[in-house]
PDB file of N, CA and C in Angstrom:
ATOM      1  N   MET A   1       0.818  -1.183   0.000  1.00  0.00           N
ATOM      2  CA  MET A   1       0.000   0.000   0.000  1.00  0.00           C
ATOM      3  C   MET A   1       0.872   1.261   0.000  1.00  0.00           C
ATOM      4  N   LYS A   2       1.974   1.220   0.761  1.00  0.00           N
ATOM      5  CA  LYS A   2       2.857   2.366   0.850  1.00  0.00           C
ATOM      6  C   LYS A   2       3.490   2.671  -0.516  1.00  0.00           C
ATOM      7  N   LYS A   3       3.863   1.634  -1.275  1.00  0.00           N
ATOM      8  CA  LYS A   3       4.441   1.823  -2.604  1.00  0.00           C
ATOM      9  C   LYS A   3       3.411   2.438  -3.557  1.00  0.00           C
ATOM     10  N   PHE A   4       2.176   2.012  -3.441  1.00  0.00           N
ATOM     11  CA  PHE A   4       1.113   2.531  -4.302  1.00  0.00           C
ATOM     12  C   PHE A   4       0.891   4.022  -4.065  1.00  0.00           C
ATOM     13  N   VAL A   5       0.862   4.429  -2.814  1.00  0.00           N
ATOM     14  CA  VAL A   5       0.663   5.841  -2.467  1.00  0.00           C
ATOM     15  C   VAL A   5       1.843   6.660  -2.973  1.00  0.00           C
ATOM     16  N   THR A   6       3.053   6.151  -2.838  1.00  0.00           N
ATOM     17  CA  THR A   6       4.245   6.847  -3.305  1.00  0.00           C
ATOM     18  C   THR A   6       4.205   7.007  -4.835  1.00  0.00           C
ATOM     19  N   LEU A   7       3.780   5.981  -5.516  1.00  0.00           N
ATOM     20  CA  LEU A   7       3.689   6.020  -6.976  1.00  0.00           C
ATOM     21  C   LEU A   7       2.643   7.035  -7.432  1.00  0.00           C
ATOM     22  N   VAL A   8       1.494   7.059  -6.791  1.00  0.00           N
ATOM     23  CA  VAL A   8       0.437   8.019  -7.138  1.00  0.00           C
ATOM     24  C   VAL A   8       0.895   9.440  -6.855  1.00  0.00           C
ATOM     25  N   LEU A   9       1.541   9.646  -5.727  1.00  0.00           N
ATOM     26  CA  LEU A   9       2.036  10.968  -5.374  1.00  0.00           C
ATOM     27  C   LEU A   9       3.099  11.447  -6.379  1.00  0.00           C
ATOM     28  N   ALA A  10       3.975  10.567  -6.781  1.00  0.00           N
ATOM     29  CA  ALA A  10       5.002  10.925  -7.769  1.00  0.00           C
ATOM     30  C   ALA A  10       4.366  11.263  -9.119  1.00  0.00           C
ATOM     31  N   ALA A  11       3.345  10.507  -9.500  1.00  0.00           N
ATOM     32  CA  ALA A  11       2.666  10.779 -10.769  1.00  0.00           C
ATOM     33  C   ALA A  11       1.968  12.133 -10.744  1.00  0.00           C
ATOM     34  N   VAL A  12       1.363  12.481  -9.621  1.00  0.00           N
ATOM     35  CA  VAL A  12       0.668  13.767  -9.492  1.00  0.00           C
ATOM     36  C   VAL A  12       1.673  14.918  -9.555  1.00  0.00           C
ATOM     37  N   LEU A  13       2.808  14.755  -8.914  1.00  0.00           N
ATOM     38  CA  LEU A  13       3.815  15.816  -8.901  1.00  0.00           C
ATOM     39  C   LEU A  13       4.498  15.987 -10.263  1.00  0.00           C
ATOM     40  N   LEU A  14       4.664  14.930 -11.027  1.00  0.00           N
ATOM     41  CA  LEU A  14       5.339  15.002 -12.322  1.00  0.00           C
ATOM     42  C   LEU A  14       4.397  15.310 -13.488  1.00  0.00           C
ATOM     43  N   ALA A  15       3.095  15.276 -13.275  1.00  0.00           N
ATOM     44  CA  ALA A  15       2.135  15.521 -14.357  1.00  0.00           C
ATOM     45  C   ALA A  15       2.282  16.916 -14.972  1.00  0.00           C
ATOM     46  N   PRO A  16       2.408  17.995 -14.193  1.00  0.00           N
ATOM     47  CA  PRO A  16       2.572  19.324 -14.811  1.00  0.00           C
ATOM     48  C   PRO A  16       3.832  19.431 -15.655  1.00  0.00           C
ATOM     49  N   LEU A  17       4.880  18.711 -15.273  1.00  0.00           N
ATOM     50  CA  LEU A  17       6.108  18.723 -16.052  1.00  0.00           C
ATOM     51  C   LEU A  17       5.879  18.144 -17.442  1.00  0.00           C
ATOM     52  N   GLY A  18       5.119  17.051 -17.519  1.00  0.00           N
ATOM     53  CA  GLY A  18       4.804  16.437 -18.812  1.00  0.00           C
ATOM     54  C   GLY A  18       3.962  17.348 -19.683  1.00  0.00           C
ATOM     55  N   VAL A  19       3.016  18.072 -19.086  1.00  0.00           N
ATOM     56  CA  VAL A  19       2.186  19.016 -19.842  1.00  0.00           C
ATOM     57  C   VAL A  19       3.046  20.146 -20.377  1.00  0.00           C
ATOM     58  N   GLY A  20       3.997  20.629 -19.575  1.00  0.00           N
ATOM     59  CA  GLY A  20       4.897  21.695 -20.007  1.00  0.00           C
ATOM     60  C   GLY A  20       5.759  21.259 -21.179  1.00  0.00           C
ATOM     61  N   LEU A  21       6.238  20.026 -21.143  1.00  0.00           N
ATOM     62  CA  LEU A  21       7.047  19.518 -22.254  1.00  0.00           C
ATOM     63  C   LEU A  21       6.223  19.391 -23.522  1.00  0.00           C
ATOM     64  N   ALA A  22       4.996  18.931 -23.395  1.00  0.00           N
ATOM     65  CA  ALA A  22       4.134  18.798 -24.563  1.00  0.00           C
ATOM     66  C   ALA A  22       3.811  20.168 -25.151  1.00  0.00           C
ATOM     67  N   THR A  23       3.576  21.150 -24.306  1.00  0.00           N
ATOM     68  CA  THR A  23       3.289  22.503 -24.779  1.00  0.00           C
ATOM     69  C   THR A  23       4.516  23.098 -25.449  1.00  0.00           C
ATOM     70  N   GLY A  24       5.685  22.884 -24.879  1.00  0.00           N
ATOM     71  CA  GLY A  24       6.924  23.382 -25.471  1.00  0.00           C
ATOM     72  C   GLY A  24       7.176  22.774 -26.836  1.00  0.00           C
ATOM     73  N   THR A  25       6.887  21.497 -26.992  1.00  0.00           N
ATOM     74  CA  THR A  25       7.052  20.835 -28.285  1.00  0.00           C
ATOM     75  C   THR A  25       6.080  21.411 -29.303  1.00  0.00           C
ATOM     76  N   ALA A  26       4.843  21.671 -28.885  1.00  0.00           N
ATOM     77  CA  ALA A  26       3.857  22.243 -29.798  1.00  0.00           C
ATOM     78  C   ALA A  26       4.273  23.646 -30.229  1.00  0.00           C
ATOM     79  N   CYS A  27       4.809  24.434 -29.305  1.00  0.00           N
ATOM     80  CA  CYS A  27       5.268  25.786 -29.645  1.00  0.00           C
ATOM     81  C   CYS A  27       6.448  25.725 -30.607  1.00  0.00           C
ATOM     82  N   ALA A  28       7.349  24.773 -30.390  1.00  0.00           N
ATOM     83  CA  ALA A  28       8.501  24.642 -31.288  1.00  0.00           C
ATOM     84  C   ALA A  28       8.056  24.258 -32.691  1.00  0.00           C
ATOM     85  N   GLN A  29       7.063  23.379 -32.793  1.00  0.00           N
ATOM     86  CA  GLN A  29       6.557  22.995 -34.109  1.00  0.00           C
ATOM     87  C   GLN A  29       5.879  24.169 -34.794  1.00  0.00           C
ATOM     88  N   THR A  30       5.136  24.977 -34.050  1.00  0.00           N
ATOM     89  CA  THR A  30       4.483  26.149 -34.623  1.00  0.00           C
ATOM     90  C   THR A  30       5.525  27.154 -35.109  1.00  0.00           C
ATOM     91  N   ALA A  31       6.583  27.352 -34.344  1.00  0.00           N
ATOM     92  CA  ALA A  31       7.650  28.273 -34.751  1.00  0.00           C
ATOM     93  C   ALA A  31       8.352  27.768 -36.004  1.00  0.00           C
ATOM     94  N   ARG A  32       8.562  26.459 -36.085  1.00  0.00           N
ATOM     95  CA  ARG A  32       9.206  25.874 -37.264  1.00  0.00           C
ATOM     96  C   ARG A  32       8.332  26.051 -38.500  1.00  0.00           C
ATOM     97  N   GLN A  33       7.015  25.873 -38.354  1.00  0.00           N
ATOM     98  CA  GLN A  33       6.104  26.053 -39.482  1.00  0.00           C
ATOM     99  C   GLN A  33       6.083  27.505 -39.923  1.00  0.00           C
ATOM    100  N   ALA A  34       6.118  28.432 -38.972  1.00  0.00           N
ATOM    101  CA  ALA A  34       6.139  29.853 -39.320  1.00  0.00           C
ATOM    102  C   ALA A  34       7.427  30.200 -40.047  1.00  0.00           C
ATOM    103  N   ALA A  35       8.539  29.587 -39.644  1.00  0.00           N
ATOM    104  CA  ALA A  35       9.808  29.847 -40.321  1.00  0.00           C
ATOM    105  C   ALA A  35       9.778  29.315 -41.750  1.00  0.00           C
ATOM    106  N   ASN A  36       9.089  28.215 -41.975  1.00  0.00           N
ATOM    107  CA  ASN A  36       9.009  27.662 -43.324  1.00  0.00           C
ATOM    108  C   ASN A  36       8.119  28.510 -44.224  1.00  0.00           C
ATOM    109  N   THR A  37       7.086  29.138 -43.684  1.00  0.00           N
ATOM    110  CA  THR A  37       6.210  29.944 -44.515  1.00  0.00           C
ATOM    111  C   THR A  37       6.784  31.332 -44.759  1.00  0.00           C
ATOM    112  N   ASN A  38       7.673  31.809 -43.886  1.00  0.00           N
ATOM    113  CA  ASN A  38       8.311  33.110 -44.039  1.00  0.00           C
ATOM    114  C   ASN A  38       9.820  32.926 -44.147  1.00  0.00           C
ATOM    115  N   PRO A  39      10.313  32.557 -45.330  1.00  0.00           N
ATOM    116  CA  PRO A  39      11.748  32.331 -45.437  1.00  0.00           C
ATOM    117  C   PRO A  39      12.532  33.633 -45.295  1.00  0.00           C
ATOM    118  N   ARG A  40      13.682  33.540 -44.713  1.00  0.00           N
ATOM    119  CA  ARG A  40      14.568  34.693 -44.568  1.00  0.00           C
ATOM    120  C   ARG A  40      15.152  35.028 -45.931  1.00  0.00           C
ATOM    121  N   VAL A  41      15.248  36.312 -46.220  1.00  0.00           N
ATOM    122  CA  VAL A  41      15.727  36.770 -47.521  1.00  0.00           C
ATOM    123  C   VAL A  41      17.051  37.504 -47.335  1.00  0.00           C
ATOM    124  N   THR A  42      18.072  37.063 -48.074  1.00  0.00           N
ATOM    125  CA  THR A  42      19.377  37.709 -48.073  1.00  0.00           C
ATOM    126  C   THR A  42      19.622  38.253 -49.470  1.00  0.00           C
ATOM    127  N   VAL A  43      19.984  39.518 -49.568  1.00  0.00           N
ATOM    128  CA  VAL A  43      20.241  40.148 -50.860  1.00  0.00           C
ATOM    129  C   VAL A  43      21.742  40.338 -51.016  1.00  0.00           C
ATOM    130  N   ILE A  44      22.288  39.821 -52.117  1.00  0.00           N
ATOM    131  CA  ILE A  44      23.709  39.981 -52.430  1.00  0.00           C
ATOM    132  C   ILE A  44      23.813  40.783 -53.717  1.00  0.00           C
ATOM    133  N   ILE A  45      24.515  41.897 -53.636  1.00  0.00           N
ATOM    134  CA  ILE A  45      24.691  42.757 -54.803  1.00  0.00           C
ATOM    135  C   ILE A  45      25.970  42.343 -55.522  1.00  0.00           C
ATOM    136  N   ILE A  46      25.827  42.015 -56.799  1.00  0.00           N
ATOM    137  CA  ILE A  46      26.956  41.588 -57.614  1.00  0.00           C
ATOM    138  C   ILE A  46      27.622  42.845 -58.177  1.00  0.00           C
ATOM    139  N   ARG A  47      28.879  43.015 -57.865  1.00  0.00           N
ATOM    140  CA  ARG A  47      29.615  44.165 -58.387  1.00  0.00           C
ATOM    141  C   ARG A  47      30.222  43.834 -59.738  1.00  0.00           C
ATOM    142  N   ASP A  48      30.568  44.861 -60.480  1.00  0.00           N
ATOM    143  CA  ASP A  48      31.202  44.654 -61.790  1.00  0.00           C
ATOM    144  C   ASP A  48      32.541  43.938 -61.636  1.00  0.00           C
ATOM    145  N   TYR A  49      33.281  44.304 -60.622  1.00  0.00           N
ATOM    146  CA  TYR A  49      34.562  43.658 -60.389  1.00  0.00           C
ATOM    147  C   TYR A  49      34.383  42.602 -59.313  1.00  0.00           C
ATOM    148  N   ILE A  50      34.707  41.383 -59.649  1.00  0.00           N
ATOM    149  CA  ILE A  50      34.644  40.290 -58.681  1.00  0.00           C
ATOM    150  C   ILE A  50      36.076  39.981 -58.268  1.00  0.00           C
ATOM    151  N   GLY A  51      36.399  40.289 -57.045  1.00  0.00           N
ATOM    152  CA  GLY A  51      37.744  40.050 -56.532  1.00  0.00           C
ATOM    153  C   GLY A  51      37.897  38.642 -56.005  1.00  0.00           C
ATOM    154  N   PRO A  52      39.096  38.293 -55.559  1.00  0.00           N
ATOM    155  CA  PRO A  52      39.331  36.935 -55.043  1.00  0.00           C
ATOM    156  C   PRO A  52      38.512  36.631 -53.787  1.00  0.00           C
ATOM    157  N   ASP A  53      38.169  37.670 -53.014  1.00  0.00           N
ATOM    158  CA  ASP A  53      37.369  37.435 -51.810  1.00  0.00           C
ATOM    159  C   ASP A  53      35.923  37.101 -52.148  1.00  0.00           C
ATOM    160  N   ASP A  54      35.430  37.612 -53.265  1.00  0.00           N
ATOM    161  CA  ASP A  54      34.037  37.406 -53.644  1.00  0.00           C
ATOM    162  C   ASP A  54      33.821  36.172 -54.501  1.00  0.00           C
ATOM    163  N   PHE A  55      34.900  35.502 -54.871  1.00  0.00           N
ATOM    164  CA  PHE A  55      34.798  34.378 -55.798  1.00  0.00           C
ATOM    165  C   PHE A  55      33.871  33.288 -55.272  1.00  0.00           C
ATOM    166  N   GLN A  56      33.979  32.956 -53.989  1.00  0.00           N
ATOM    167  CA  GLN A  56      33.155  31.890 -53.424  1.00  0.00           C
ATOM    168  C   GLN A  56      31.750  32.361 -53.071  1.00  0.00           C
ATOM    169  N   GLN A  57      31.566  33.660 -52.898  1.00  0.00           N
ATOM    170  CA  GLN A  57      30.276  34.160 -52.458  1.00  0.00           C
ATOM    171  C   GLN A  57      29.244  34.165 -53.580  1.00  0.00           C
ATOM    172  N   VAL A  58      29.639  34.532 -54.783  1.00  0.00           N
ATOM    173  CA  VAL A  58      28.693  34.657 -55.893  1.00  0.00           C
ATOM    174  C   VAL A  58      28.979  33.551 -56.916  1.00  0.00           C
ATOM    175  N   PRO A  59      28.084  32.585 -57.047  1.00  0.00           N
ATOM    176  CA  PRO A  59      28.290  31.526 -58.037  1.00  0.00           C
ATOM    177  C   PRO A  59      28.272  32.089 -59.464  1.00  0.00           C
ATOM    178  N   ARG A  60      28.995  31.433 -60.334  1.00  0.00           N
ATOM    179  CA  ARG A  60      29.101  31.862 -61.736  1.00  0.00           C
ATOM    180  C   ARG A  60      27.726  31.909 -62.406  1.00  0.00           C
ATOM    181  N   THR A  61      26.849  31.015 -62.014  1.00  0.00           N
ATOM    182  CA  THR A  61      25.500  30.966 -62.588  1.00  0.00           C
ATOM    183  C   THR A  61      24.769  32.293 -62.412  1.00  0.00           C
ATOM    184  N   TYR A  62      25.014  32.972 -61.301  1.00  0.00           N
ATOM    185  CA  TYR A  62      24.329  34.226 -61.029  1.00  0.00           C
ATOM    186  C   TYR A  62      25.147  35.452 -61.433  1.00  0.00           C
ATOM    187  N   ARG A  63      26.461  35.280 -61.593  1.00  0.00           N
ATOM    188  CA  ARG A  63      27.272  36.398 -62.103  1.00  0.00           C
ATOM    189  C   ARG A  63      26.980  36.629 -63.579  1.00  0.00           C
ATOM    190  N   TYR A  64      26.845  35.545 -64.316  1.00  0.00           N
ATOM    191  CA  TYR A  64      26.549  35.613 -65.750  1.00  0.00           C
ATOM    192  C   TYR A  64      25.305  34.764 -66.020  1.00  0.00           C
ATOM    193  N   PRO A  65      24.114  35.275 -65.702  1.00  0.00           N
ATOM    194  CA  PRO A  65      22.904  34.441 -65.783  1.00  0.00           C
ATOM    195  C   PRO A  65      22.455  34.187 -67.225  1.00  0.00           C
ATOM    196  N   SER A  66      21.954  32.987 -67.437  1.00  0.00           N
ATOM    197  CA  SER A  66      21.340  32.663 -68.727  1.00  0.00           C
ATOM    198  C   SER A  66      19.905  33.188 -68.706  1.00  0.00           C
ATOM    199  N   ALA A  67      19.245  33.095 -69.833  1.00  0.00           N
ATOM    200  CA  ALA A  67      17.848  33.543 -69.911  1.00  0.00           C
ATOM    201  C   ALA A  67      16.963  32.712 -68.978  1.00  0.00           C
ATOM    202  N   GLN A  68      17.261  31.418 -68.862  1.00  0.00           N
ATOM    203  CA  GLN A  68      16.479  30.549 -67.974  1.00  0.00           C
ATOM    204  C   GLN A  68      16.658  30.929 -66.512  1.00  0.00           C
ATOM    205  N   THR A  69      17.890  31.193 -66.109  1.00  0.00           N
ATOM    206  CA  THR A  69      18.162  31.580 -64.730  1.00  0.00           C
ATOM    207  C   THR A  69      17.454  32.885 -64.397  1.00  0.00           C
ATOM    208  N   TYR A  70      17.535  33.833 -65.301  1.00  0.00           N
ATOM    209  CA  TYR A  70      16.874  35.124 -65.101  1.00  0.00           C
ATOM    210  C   TYR A  70      15.358  34.937 -64.992  1.00  0.00           C
ATOM    211  N   ALA A  71      14.773  34.119 -65.884  1.00  0.00           N
ATOM    212  CA  ALA A  71      13.325  33.882 -65.870  1.00  0.00           C
ATOM    213  C   ALA A  71      12.884  33.178 -64.581  1.00  0.00           C
ATOM    214  N   LYS A  72      13.671  32.203 -64.111  1.00  0.00           N
ATOM    215  CA  LYS A  72      13.331  31.518 -62.858  1.00  0.00           C
ATOM    216  C   LYS A  72      13.384  32.483 -61.678  1.00  0.00           C
ATOM    217  N   GLY A  73      14.355  33.386 -61.690  1.00  0.00           N
ATOM    218  CA  GLY A  73      14.457  34.378 -60.623  1.00  0.00           C
ATOM    219  C   GLY A  73      13.265  35.312 -60.614  1.00  0.00           C
ATOM    220  N   GLN A  74      12.834  35.763 -61.795  1.00  0.00           N
ATOM    221  CA  GLN A  74      11.682  36.653 -61.886  1.00  0.00           C
ATOM    222  C   GLN A  74      10.406  35.939 -61.434  1.00  0.00           C
ATOM    223  N   GLU A  75      10.291  34.667 -61.778  1.00  0.00           N
ATOM    224  CA  GLU A  75       9.122  33.891 -61.352  1.00  0.00           C
ATOM    225  C   GLU A  75       9.109  33.717 -59.824  1.00  0.00           C
ATOM    226  N   GLU A  76      10.278  33.481 -59.260  1.00  0.00           N
ATOM    227  CA  GLU A  76      10.382  33.327 -57.805  1.00  0.00           C
ATOM    228  C   GLU A  76       9.981  34.624 -57.099  1.00  0.00           C
ATOM    229  N   ILE A  77      10.345  35.762 -57.681  1.00  0.00           N
ATOM    230  CA  ILE A  77       9.967  37.056 -57.102  1.00  0.00           C
ATOM    231  C   ILE A  77       8.451  37.228 -57.149  1.00  0.00           C
ATOM    232  N   ARG A  78       7.852  36.851 -58.252  1.00  0.00           N
ATOM    233  CA  ARG A  78       6.390  36.983 -58.380  1.00  0.00           C
ATOM    234  C   ARG A  78       5.656  36.081 -57.392  1.00  0.00           C
ATOM    235  N   ASN A  79       6.208  34.908 -57.104  1.00  0.00           N
ATOM    236  CA  ASN A  79       5.508  33.926 -56.275  1.00  0.00           C
ATOM    237  C   ASN A  79       5.794  34.051 -54.778  1.00  0.00           C
ATOM    238  N   THR A  80       6.821  34.791 -54.390  1.00  0.00           N
ATOM    239  CA  THR A  80       7.197  34.877 -52.980  1.00  0.00           C
ATOM    240  C   THR A  80       7.073  36.314 -52.491  1.00  0.00           C
ATOM    241  N   PRO A  81       6.070  36.600 -51.669  1.00  0.00           N
ATOM    242  CA  PRO A  81       5.874  37.982 -51.207  1.00  0.00           C
ATOM    243  C   PRO A  81       7.001  38.500 -50.322  1.00  0.00           C
ATOM    244  N   ASN A  82       7.696  37.624 -49.590  1.00  0.00           N
ATOM    245  CA  ASN A  82       8.798  38.076 -48.738  1.00  0.00           C
ATOM    246  C   ASN A  82       9.942  38.651 -49.554  1.00  0.00           C
ATOM    247  N   ILE A  83      10.200  38.052 -50.709  1.00  0.00           N
ATOM    248  CA  ILE A  83      11.273  38.565 -51.564  1.00  0.00           C
ATOM    249  C   ILE A  83      10.881  39.934 -52.105  1.00  0.00           C
ATOM    250  N   ARG A  84       9.641  40.063 -52.560  1.00  0.00           N
ATOM    251  CA  ARG A  84       9.180  41.368 -53.071  1.00  0.00           C
ATOM    252  C   ARG A  84       9.281  42.438 -51.989  1.00  0.00           C
ATOM    253  N   ALA A  85       8.884  42.091 -50.764  1.00  0.00           N
ATOM    254  CA  ALA A  85       8.934  43.056 -49.661  1.00  0.00           C
ATOM    255  C   ALA A  85      10.376  43.453 -49.342  1.00  0.00           C
ATOM    256  N   ALA A  86      11.292  42.488 -49.357  1.00  0.00           N
ATOM    257  CA  ALA A  86      12.700  42.786 -49.066  1.00  0.00           C
ATOM    258  C   ALA A  86      13.293  43.696 -50.142  1.00  0.00           C
ATOM    259  N   LEU A  87      12.943  43.446 -51.391  1.00  0.00           N
ATOM    260  CA  LEU A  87      13.450  44.293 -52.481  1.00  0.00           C
ATOM    261  C   LEU A  87      12.866  45.697 -52.394  1.00  0.00           C
ATOM    262  N   GLN A  88      11.588  45.810 -52.054  1.00  0.00           N
ATOM    263  CA  GLN A  88      10.956  47.126 -51.935  1.00  0.00           C
ATOM    264  C   GLN A  88      11.563  47.917 -50.779  1.00  0.00           C
ATOM    265  N   ARG A  89      11.844  47.255 -49.658  1.00  0.00           N
ATOM    266  CA  ARG A  89      12.464  47.935 -48.522  1.00  0.00           C
ATOM    267  C   ARG A  89      13.829  48.510 -48.892  1.00  0.00           C
ATOM    268  N   ARG A  90      14.566  47.789 -49.729  1.00  0.00           N
ATOM    269  CA  ARG A  90      15.906  48.238 -50.117  1.00  0.00           C
ATOM    270  C   ARG A  90      15.889  49.142 -51.354  1.00  0.00           C
ATOM    271  N   GLY A  91      14.728  49.298 -51.970  1.00  0.00           N
ATOM    272  CA  GLY A  91      14.616  50.153 -53.149  1.00  0.00           C
ATOM    273  C   GLY A  91      15.243  49.544 -54.392  1.00  0.00           C
ATOM    274  N   ILE A  92      15.203  48.224 -54.504  1.00  0.00           N
ATOM    275  CA  ILE A  92      15.796  47.529 -55.651  1.00  0.00           C
ATOM    276  C   ILE A  92      14.682  47.117 -56.601  1.00  0.00           C
ATOM    277  N   PRO A  93      14.758  47.536 -57.875  1.00  0.00           N
ATOM    278  CA  PRO A  93      13.743  47.102 -58.835  1.00  0.00           C
ATOM    279  C   PRO A  93      13.883  45.604 -59.133  1.00  0.00           C
ATOM    280  N   ALA A  94      12.767  44.955 -59.362  1.00  0.00           N
ATOM    281  CA  ALA A  94      12.760  43.502 -59.610  1.00  0.00           C
ATOM    282  C   ALA A  94      13.518  43.142 -60.883  1.00  0.00           C
ATOM    283  N   ARG A  95      13.594  44.046 -61.835  1.00  0.00           N
ATOM    284  CA  ARG A  95      14.280  43.738 -63.101  1.00  0.00           C
ATOM    285  C   ARG A  95      15.791  43.591 -62.920  1.00  0.00           C
ATOM    286  N   ASN A  96      16.336  44.070 -61.789  1.00  0.00           N
ATOM    287  CA  ASN A  96      17.777  43.960 -61.535  1.00  0.00           C
ATOM    288  C   ASN A  96      18.183  42.630 -60.905  1.00  0.00           C
ATOM    289  N   VAL A  97      17.235  41.772 -60.624  1.00  0.00           N
ATOM    290  CA  VAL A  97      17.530  40.487 -59.980  1.00  0.00           C
ATOM    291  C   VAL A  97      18.016  39.492 -61.033  1.00  0.00           C
ATOM    292  N   ASN A  98      19.223  38.955 -60.820  1.00  0.00           N
ATOM    293  CA  ASN A  98      19.777  37.949 -61.731  1.00  0.00           C
ATOM    294  C   ASN A  98      19.241  36.561 -61.442  1.00  0.00           C
ATOM    295  N   GLY A  99      18.991  36.264 -60.178  1.00  0.00           N
ATOM    296  CA  GLY A  99      18.495  34.947 -59.826  1.00  0.00           C
ATOM    297  C   GLY A  99      18.228  34.820 -58.345  1.00  0.00           C
ATOM    298  N   VAL A 100      17.510  33.764 -57.988  1.00  0.00           N
ATOM    299  CA  VAL A 100      17.177  33.485 -56.597  1.00  0.00           C
ATOM    300  C   VAL A 100      17.592  32.051 -56.297  1.00  0.00           C
ATOM    301  N   GLN A 101      18.302  31.883 -55.194  1.00  0.00           N
ATOM    302  CA  GLN A 101      18.783  30.566 -54.784  1.00  0.00           C
ATOM    303  C   GLN A 101      18.185  30.235 -53.422  1.00  0.00           C
ATOM    304  N   THR A 102      17.839  28.966 -53.200  1.00  0.00           N
ATOM    305  CA  THR A 102      17.329  28.532 -51.900  1.00  0.00           C
ATOM    306  C   THR A 102      18.495  28.039 -51.057  1.00  0.00           C
ATOM    307  N   ALA A 103      18.630  28.584 -49.854  1.00  0.00           N
ATOM    308  CA  ALA A 103      19.707  28.201 -48.944  1.00  0.00           C
ATOM    309  C   ALA A 103      19.362  26.885 -48.254  1.00  0.00           C
ATOM    310  N   PHE A 104      20.335  26.325 -47.572  1.00  0.00           N
ATOM    311  CA  PHE A 104      20.127  25.060 -46.876  1.00  0.00           C
ATOM    312  C   PHE A 104      19.116  25.175 -45.745  1.00  0.00           C
ATOM    313  N   ASN A 105      19.006  26.356 -45.128  1.00  0.00           N
ATOM    314  CA  ASN A 105      18.071  26.532 -44.024  1.00  0.00           C
ATOM    315  C   ASN A 105      16.668  26.907 -44.504  1.00  0.00           C
ATOM    316  N   GLY A 106      16.452  26.928 -45.817  1.00  0.00           N
ATOM    317  CA  GLY A 106      15.126  27.252 -46.361  1.00  0.00           C
ATOM    318  C   GLY A 106      14.973  28.706 -46.728  1.00  0.00           C
ATOM    319  N   GLY A 107      15.934  29.530 -46.381  1.00  0.00           N
ATOM    320  CA  GLY A 107      15.882  30.952 -46.738  1.00  0.00           C
ATOM    321  C   GLY A 107      16.173  31.154 -48.223  1.00  0.00           C
ATOM    322  N   LYS A 108      16.014  32.375 -48.665  1.00  0.00           N
ATOM    323  CA  LYS A 108      16.246  32.710 -50.073  1.00  0.00           C
ATOM    324  C   LYS A 108      17.425  33.668 -50.181  1.00  0.00           C
ATOM    325  N   ILE A 109      18.282  33.428 -51.168  1.00  0.00           N
ATOM    326  CA  ILE A 109      19.388  34.319 -51.471  1.00  0.00           C
ATOM    327  C   ILE A 109      19.083  34.950 -52.822  1.00  0.00           C
ATOM    328  N   VAL A 110      18.999  36.276 -52.848  1.00  0.00           N
ATOM    329  CA  VAL A 110      18.662  37.015 -54.070  1.00  0.00           C
ATOM    330  C   VAL A 110      19.926  37.695 -54.569  1.00  0.00           C
ATOM    331  N   TYR A 111      20.314  37.407 -55.812  1.00  0.00           N
ATOM    332  CA  TYR A 111      21.490  38.003 -56.426  1.00  0.00           C
ATOM    333  C   TYR A 111      21.034  39.149 -57.323  1.00  0.00           C
ATOM    334  N   VAL A 112      21.548  40.351 -57.036  1.00  0.00           N
ATOM    335  CA  VAL A 112      21.114  41.563 -57.734  1.00  0.00           C
ATOM    336  C   VAL A 112      22.312  42.172 -58.460  1.00  0.00           C
ATOM    337  N   LYS A 113      22.083  42.627 -59.681  1.00  0.00           N
ATOM    338  CA  LYS A 113      23.167  43.302 -60.409  1.00  0.00           C
ATOM    339  C   LYS A 113      23.146  44.781 -60.151  1.00  0.00           C
TER     340      LYS A 113
END
């Protein structure tokens, strides 16, 4: 009987902890979903002169974009409101965008000439 009472008492004391963990997990999932719907936007301005320090930062595909790369970038701008908002905040016209790349964390990298 003594073991049973101890077990019930322990379960009652640990129950709020389990609810807190479940709530924390639900909040983390909601934050992750919000991050996926609002990708972070990074704008990289391509300069005319690409020095040795910039070689790794700007891929050749976006330094010298083909018509397909340019068209895909323009389509991505039309379909993603966060990119349009980031460009408007910086005062960059959409026609100057060479391309848009998706980062490993789900964010967008916009290459602008």
